[in-house]
Amino acid sequence: METTISSKYQVVIPKEARKRLQLKPRQKLMVIEKGGILFLIPQRSIETLRGIVPGVKVEGYRQKKDRF
């Protein structure tokens, strides 16, 4: 996929990427620059991340009161 920076420094995210990543209008993106490469990372709410790792054991972890 390819896009162009406008004279106002705006970038259009191609439709295929928007659909695949389920991006919505006015959604925030985190911009990270590393080694001359820009990464655009969609910010997601905690609620949307709930249950993304089914089957993970949660027993056996220390309680907050036991932490240093």
N, C-alpha and C. Protein backbone atom coordinates (compact mmCIF):
# COMPACT_ATOMS: atom_id res chain seq x y z
N MET A 1 0.84 -1.17 0.00
CA MET A 1 0.00 0.00 0.00
C MET A 1 0.89 1.24 0.00
N GLU A 2 0.37 2.28 -0.56
CA GLU A 2 1.13 3.51 -0.66
C GLU A 2 0.21 4.69 -0.42
N THR A 3 0.73 5.74 0.18
CA THR A 3 -0.03 6.96 0.40
C THR A 3 0.92 8.14 0.24
N THR A 4 0.37 9.35 0.23
CA THR A 4 1.16 10.56 0.01
C THR A 4 0.88 11.55 1.14
N ILE A 5 1.90 12.30 1.53
CA ILE A 5 1.73 13.37 2.52
C ILE A 5 1.23 14.61 1.78
N SER A 6 0.13 15.20 2.26
CA SER A 6 -0.41 16.39 1.62
C SER A 6 0.39 17.63 2.01
N SER A 7 0.07 18.77 1.40
CA SER A 7 0.76 20.02 1.73
C SER A 7 0.50 20.45 3.17
N LYS A 8 -0.56 19.91 3.78
CA LYS A 8 -0.86 20.18 5.20
C LYS A 8 -0.33 19.08 6.11
N TYR A 9 0.55 18.23 5.58
CA TYR A 9 1.15 17.11 6.30
C TYR A 9 0.12 16.09 6.77
N GLN A 10 -0.94 15.92 6.01
CA GLN A 10 -1.95 14.91 6.32
C GLN A 10 -1.70 13.67 5.48
N VAL A 11 -2.05 12.52 6.05
CA VAL A 11 -1.86 11.24 5.37
C VAL A 11 -3.19 10.50 5.36
N VAL A 12 -3.55 9.93 4.21
CA VAL A 12 -4.76 9.11 4.11
C VAL A 12 -4.36 7.65 4.32
N ILE A 13 -5.05 6.98 5.23
CA ILE A 13 -4.80 5.56 5.46
C ILE A 13 -5.63 4.79 4.43
N PRO A 14 -5.01 3.94 3.62
CA PRO A 14 -5.75 3.22 2.58
C PRO A 14 -6.94 2.44 3.14
N LYS A 15 -7.99 2.36 2.33
CA LYS A 15 -9.24 1.73 2.75
C LYS A 15 -9.05 0.29 3.20
N GLU A 16 -8.20 -0.47 2.50
CA GLU A 16 -7.97 -1.88 2.87
C GLU A 16 -7.42 -1.98 4.29
N ALA A 17 -6.49 -1.10 4.64
CA ALA A 17 -5.90 -1.11 5.99
C ALA A 17 -6.92 -0.68 7.02
N ARG A 18 -7.72 0.34 6.71
CA ARG A 18 -8.76 0.80 7.65
C ARG A 18 -9.75 -0.31 7.96
N LYS A 19 -10.16 -1.03 6.91
CA LYS A 19 -11.13 -2.12 7.11
C LYS A 19 -10.52 -3.26 7.91
N ARG A 20 -9.29 -3.66 7.55
CA ARG A 20 -8.63 -4.79 8.22
C ARG A 20 -8.39 -4.49 9.70
N LEU A 21 -8.01 -3.24 10.00
CA LEU A 21 -7.72 -2.86 11.39
C LEU A 21 -8.93 -2.31 12.12
N GLN A 22 -10.07 -2.24 11.43
CA GLN A 22 -11.33 -1.74 12.00
C GLN A 22 -11.15 -0.35 12.61
N LEU A 23 -10.48 0.54 11.86
CA LEU A 23 -10.28 1.91 12.31
C LEU A 23 -11.56 2.71 12.11
N LYS A 24 -11.82 3.60 13.03
CA LYS A 24 -13.03 4.43 13.00
C LYS A 24 -12.63 5.90 12.89
N PRO A 25 -13.51 6.74 12.33
CA PRO A 25 -13.22 8.19 12.28
C PRO A 25 -13.00 8.74 13.69
N ARG A 26 -12.05 9.64 13.82
CA ARG A 26 -11.70 10.32 15.07
C ARG A 26 -11.01 9.40 16.09
N GLN A 27 -10.68 8.17 15.69
CA GLN A 27 -9.94 7.27 16.57
C GLN A 27 -8.51 7.78 16.69
N LYS A 28 -7.94 7.69 17.86
CA LYS A 28 -6.58 8.16 18.12
C LYS A 28 -5.57 7.10 17.67
N LEU A 29 -4.45 7.57 17.12
CA LEU A 29 -3.34 6.70 16.75
C LEU A 29 -2.10 7.18 17.48
N MET A 30 -1.33 6.24 18.00
CA MET A 30 -0.05 6.56 18.61
C MET A 30 0.98 6.57 17.49
N VAL A 31 1.81 7.61 17.43
CA VAL A 31 2.85 7.72 16.41
C VAL A 31 4.20 7.50 17.08
N ILE A 32 4.92 6.49 16.61
CA ILE A 32 6.23 6.18 17.16
C ILE A 32 7.24 6.21 16.02
N GLU A 33 8.35 6.91 16.22
CA GLU A 33 9.43 6.97 15.23
C GLU A 33 10.61 6.20 15.79
N LYS A 34 11.10 5.27 14.99
CA LYS A 34 12.25 4.49 15.44
C LYS A 34 13.10 4.14 14.22
N GLY A 35 14.32 4.55 14.23
CA GLY A 35 15.23 4.23 13.15
C GLY A 35 14.78 4.75 11.79
N GLY A 36 14.15 5.92 11.77
CA GLY A 36 13.70 6.49 10.51
C GLY A 36 12.40 5.91 9.98
N ILE A 37 11.72 5.11 10.79
CA ILE A 37 10.45 4.49 10.39
C ILE A 37 9.35 5.01 11.30
N LEU A 38 8.20 5.37 10.73
CA LEU A 38 7.05 5.79 11.52
C LEU A 38 6.11 4.60 11.70
N PHE A 39 5.68 4.38 12.93
CA PHE A 39 4.69 3.36 13.24
C PHE A 39 3.43 4.07 13.71
N LEU A 40 2.28 3.72 13.14
CA LEU A 40 0.99 4.24 13.57
C LEU A 40 0.27 3.10 14.28
N ILE A 41 0.01 3.28 15.57
CA ILE A 41 -0.58 2.21 16.37
C ILE A 41 -1.94 2.68 16.89
N PRO A 42 -3.03 1.98 16.52
CA PRO A 42 -4.35 2.38 16.99
C PRO A 42 -4.45 2.23 18.51
N GLN A 43 -4.97 3.26 19.15
CA GLN A 43 -5.21 3.16 20.59
C GLN A 43 -6.54 2.46 20.79
N ARG A 44 -6.55 1.50 21.68
CA ARG A 44 -7.76 0.74 21.97
C ARG A 44 -8.09 0.91 23.45
N SER A 45 -9.38 0.84 23.75
CA SER A 45 -9.80 0.95 25.14
C SER A 45 -9.53 -0.39 25.85
N ILE A 46 -9.45 -0.33 27.14
CA ILE A 46 -9.22 -1.55 27.94
C ILE A 46 -10.35 -2.55 27.71
N GLU A 47 -11.58 -2.04 27.56
CA GLU A 47 -12.73 -2.92 27.36
C GLU A 47 -12.59 -3.76 26.10
N THR A 48 -12.04 -3.18 25.02
CA THR A 48 -11.90 -3.94 23.78
C THR A 48 -10.80 -4.99 23.87
N LEU A 49 -9.87 -4.84 24.81
CA LEU A 49 -8.79 -5.81 24.98
C LEU A 49 -9.16 -6.97 25.88
N ARG A 50 -10.27 -6.84 26.59
CA ARG A 50 -10.70 -7.87 27.53
C ARG A 50 -10.95 -9.19 26.79
N GLY A 51 -10.35 -10.25 27.28
CA GLY A 51 -10.57 -11.57 26.71
C GLY A 51 -9.75 -11.89 25.48
N ILE A 52 -8.70 -11.10 25.19
CA ILE A 52 -7.91 -11.38 23.98
C ILE A 52 -6.96 -12.56 24.17
N VAL A 53 -6.78 -13.01 25.40
CA VAL A 53 -5.89 -14.14 25.65
C VAL A 53 -6.66 -15.19 26.44
N PRO A 54 -7.59 -15.88 25.79
CA PRO A 54 -8.36 -16.88 26.53
C PRO A 54 -7.47 -18.04 26.96
N GLY A 55 -7.78 -18.59 28.10
CA GLY A 55 -7.05 -19.75 28.58
C GLY A 55 -5.86 -19.43 29.46
N VAL A 56 -5.55 -18.16 29.67
CA VAL A 56 -4.42 -17.80 30.51
C VAL A 56 -4.79 -18.05 31.97
N LYS A 57 -3.90 -18.71 32.69
CA LYS A 57 -4.15 -18.99 34.11
C LYS A 57 -3.91 -17.73 34.92
N VAL A 58 -4.86 -17.36 35.73
CA VAL A 58 -4.73 -16.17 36.57
C VAL A 58 -4.52 -16.53 38.03
N GLU A 59 -4.55 -17.81 38.35
CA GLU A 59 -4.32 -18.23 39.73
C GLU A 59 -2.83 -18.22 40.03
N GLY A 60 -2.49 -18.02 41.28
CA GLY A 60 -1.11 -18.10 41.69
C GLY A 60 -0.35 -16.79 41.64
N TYR A 61 -0.98 -15.73 41.18
CA TYR A 61 -0.33 -14.43 41.18
C TYR A 61 -0.50 -13.78 42.55
N ARG A 62 0.51 -13.04 42.96
CA ARG A 62 0.43 -12.37 44.26
C ARG A 62 -0.61 -11.27 44.23
N GLN A 63 -1.19 -11.02 45.38
CA GLN A 63 -2.12 -9.92 45.53
C GLN A 63 -1.34 -8.61 45.66
N LYS A 64 -2.01 -7.48 45.41
CA LYS A 64 -1.35 -6.18 45.51
C LYS A 64 -0.70 -5.96 46.88
N LYS A 65 -1.37 -6.41 47.93
CA LYS A 65 -0.84 -6.20 49.28
C LYS A 65 0.48 -6.94 49.51
N ASP A 66 0.74 -8.00 48.73
CA ASP A 66 1.97 -8.79 48.86
C ASP A 66 3.12 -8.24 48.04
N ARG A 67 2.87 -7.26 47.20
CA ARG A 67 3.92 -6.73 46.33
C ARG A 67 4.79 -5.74 47.09
N PHE A 68 6.00 -5.54 46.61
CA PHE A 68 6.91 -4.57 47.25
C PHE A 68 6.54 -3.19 46.85
